[in-house]
């Protein structure tokens, strides 16, 4: 890791927050995709009856 001097805490915190936000966005996207697939499967099952 490069020498960040007096900004080491701020830079590390920014990296941590960015990583946390990326993980949250991916998790929400996966959850939304699963929910949408479930709803579409249910709608398709009703249509086939």
Protein backbone atom coordinates (compact mmCIF):
# COMPACT_ATOMS: atom_id res chain seq x y z
CA UNK A 1 0.00 0.00 0.00
CA UNK A 2 1.37 3.41 -0.87
CA UNK A 3 2.33 5.82 1.86
CA UNK A 4 -0.75 7.99 2.37
CA UNK A 5 0.71 10.13 5.11
CA UNK A 6 -1.82 12.04 7.14
CA UNK A 7 -4.71 10.95 4.89
CA UNK A 8 -4.38 7.22 5.51
CA UNK A 9 -7.50 7.01 7.68
CA UNK A 10 -9.65 9.03 5.28
CA UNK A 11 -8.51 7.09 2.21
CA UNK A 12 -8.98 3.73 3.93
CA UNK A 13 -12.42 4.78 5.12
CA UNK A 14 -13.36 5.90 1.60
CA UNK A 15 -12.26 2.53 0.19
CA UNK A 16 -14.22 0.70 2.88
CA UNK A 17 -17.39 2.70 2.31
CA UNK A 18 -17.09 2.27 -1.46
CA UNK A 19 -16.67 -1.48 -1.11
CA UNK A 20 -19.64 -1.67 1.26
CA UNK A 21 -21.81 0.30 -1.18
CA UNK A 22 -20.80 -1.94 -4.08
CA UNK A 23 -21.67 -5.06 -2.09
CA UNK A 24 -25.02 -3.55 -1.11
CA UNK A 25 -25.84 -2.63 -4.72
CA UNK A 26 -25.00 -6.13 -5.94
CA UNK A 27 -27.03 -7.74 -3.13
CA UNK A 28 -30.05 -5.56 -3.87
CA UNK A 29 -29.76 -6.28 -7.57
CA UNK A 30 -29.65 -10.04 -7.00
CA UNK A 31 -32.61 -9.84 -4.62
CA UNK A 32 -34.61 -7.82 -7.14
CA UNK A 33 -33.76 -10.25 -9.94
CA UNK A 34 -34.88 -13.23 -7.83
CA UNK A 35 -38.12 -11.47 -6.87
CA UNK A 36 -38.85 -10.53 -10.47
CA UNK A 37 -38.18 -14.09 -11.66
CA UNK A 38 -40.48 -15.47 -8.99
CA UNK A 39 -43.26 -13.04 -9.94
CA UNK A 40 -42.87 -13.83 -13.63
CA UNK A 41 -42.94 -17.57 -12.93
CA UNK A 42 -46.13 -17.14 -10.89
CA UNK A 43 -47.74 -15.06 -13.63
CA UNK A 44 -46.77 -17.63 -16.24
CA UNK A 45 -48.21 -20.45 -14.11
CA UNK A 46 -51.51 -18.56 -13.81
CA UNK A 47 -51.58 -17.94 -17.57
CA UNK A 48 -51.10 -21.64 -18.37
CA UNK A 49 -54.09 -22.74 -16.26
